[in-house]
Amino acid sequence: MEILINKRIKQVKKGDQNAFAEIVNLYKDKIYQLCYRMLGNVHEAEDIEQEAFIR
């Protein structure tokens, strides 16, 4: 799995938007859950989750 993610990251750095979408789909639920546990607010957790992927 780690090899696949590293490959996708390299593709993202080259501008591959489909690779970015794959990474987002793999991690979005885990990141949202973490944000929600930390913040306790659905809307703030969604905002922070999105910000994490943008950065």
C-alpha atoms as a PDB file:
ATOM      1  CA  MET A   1       0.000   0.000   0.000  1.00  0.00           C
ATOM      2  CA  GLU A   2       2.789   2.416   0.906  1.00  0.00           C
ATOM      3  CA  ILE A   3       4.448   1.828  -2.463  1.00  0.00           C
ATOM      4  CA  LEU A   4       1.184   2.678  -4.236  1.00  0.00           C
ATOM      5  CA  ILE A   5       0.796   5.901  -2.246  1.00  0.00           C
ATOM      6  CA  ASN A   6       4.394   6.941  -2.964  1.00  0.00           C
ATOM      7  CA  LYS A   7       3.802   6.315  -6.668  1.00  0.00           C
ATOM      8  CA  ARG A   8       0.602   8.392  -6.582  1.00  0.00           C
ATOM      9  CA  ILE A   9       2.388  11.232  -4.770  1.00  0.00           C
ATOM     10  CA  LYS A  10       5.010  11.343  -7.523  1.00  0.00           C
ATOM     11  CA  GLN A  11       2.219  11.466 -10.099  1.00  0.00           C
ATOM     12  CA  VAL A  12       0.494  14.294  -8.221  1.00  0.00           C
ATOM     13  CA  LYS A  13       3.726  16.292  -8.201  1.00  0.00           C
ATOM     14  CA  LYS A  14       3.746  15.921 -11.991  1.00  0.00           C
ATOM     15  CA  GLY A  15       0.201  17.323 -12.156  1.00  0.00           C
ATOM     16  CA  ASP A  16      -1.896  14.133 -12.314  1.00  0.00           C
ATOM     17  CA  GLN A  17      -5.278  15.101 -10.856  1.00  0.00           C
ATOM     18  CA  ASN A  18      -6.586  11.525 -10.973  1.00  0.00           C
ATOM     19  CA  ALA A  19      -3.762  10.407  -8.688  1.00  0.00           C
ATOM     20  CA  PHE A  20      -4.674  13.196  -6.265  1.00  0.00           C
ATOM     21  CA  ALA A  21      -8.305  12.040  -6.299  1.00  0.00           C
ATOM     22  CA  GLU A  22      -7.179   8.499  -5.451  1.00  0.00           C
ATOM     23  CA  ILE A  23      -5.172   9.739  -2.468  1.00  0.00           C
ATOM     24  CA  VAL A  24      -8.101  11.827  -1.251  1.00  0.00           C
ATOM     25  CA  ASN A  25     -10.459   8.860  -1.543  1.00  0.00           C
ATOM     26  CA  LEU A  26      -8.090   6.654   0.433  1.00  0.00           C
ATOM     27  CA  TYR A  27      -7.597   9.073   3.328  1.00  0.00           C
ATOM     28  CA  LYS A  28     -10.634  11.349   3.490  1.00  0.00           C
ATOM     29  CA  ASP A  29     -12.585   9.312   6.046  1.00  0.00           C
ATOM     30  CA  LYS A  30      -9.638   8.839   8.383  1.00  0.00           C
ATOM     31  CA  ILE A  31      -8.721  12.507   8.264  1.00  0.00           C
ATOM     32  CA  TYR A  32     -12.320  13.597   8.793  1.00  0.00           C
ATOM     33  CA  GLN A  33     -12.688  11.294  11.801  1.00  0.00           C
ATOM     34  CA  LEU A  34      -9.508  12.653  13.348  1.00  0.00           C
ATOM     35  CA  CYS A  35     -10.603  16.250  12.782  1.00  0.00           C
ATOM     36  CA  TYR A  36     -14.039  15.568  14.211  1.00  0.00           C
ATOM     37  CA  ARG A  37     -12.604  13.965  17.352  1.00  0.00           C
ATOM     38  CA  MET A  38     -10.346  16.955  17.863  1.00  0.00           C
ATOM     39  CA  LEU A  39     -12.929  19.655  17.128  1.00  0.00           C
ATOM     40  CA  GLY A  40     -16.282  18.070  17.964  1.00  0.00           C
ATOM     41  CA  ASN A  41     -17.975  20.044  15.191  1.00  0.00           C
ATOM     42  CA  VAL A  42     -19.032  18.584  11.834  1.00  0.00           C
ATOM     43  CA  HIS A  43     -18.596  21.752   9.792  1.00  0.00           C
ATOM     44  CA  GLU A  44     -15.228  22.661  11.261  1.00  0.00           C
ATOM     45  CA  ALA A  45     -13.998  19.093  10.785  1.00  0.00           C
ATOM     46  CA  GLU A  46     -15.023  19.203   7.115  1.00  0.00           C
ATOM     47  CA  ASP A  47     -13.267  22.548   6.637  1.00  0.00           C
ATOM     48  CA  ILE A  48     -10.044  21.363   8.258  1.00  0.00           C
ATOM     49  CA  GLU A  49     -10.152  18.090   6.317  1.00  0.00           C
ATOM     50  CA  GLN A  50     -10.392  20.026   3.067  1.00  0.00           C
ATOM     51  CA  GLU A  51      -7.621  22.382   4.134  1.00  0.00           C
ATOM     52  CA  ALA A  52      -5.357  19.421   4.890  1.00  0.00           C
ATOM     53  CA  PHE A  53      -5.713  18.106   1.348  1.00  0.00           C
ATOM     54  CA  ILE A  54      -5.239  21.531  -0.199  1.00  0.00           C
ATOM     55  CA  ARG A  55      -1.955  21.979   1.629  1.00  0.00           C
END
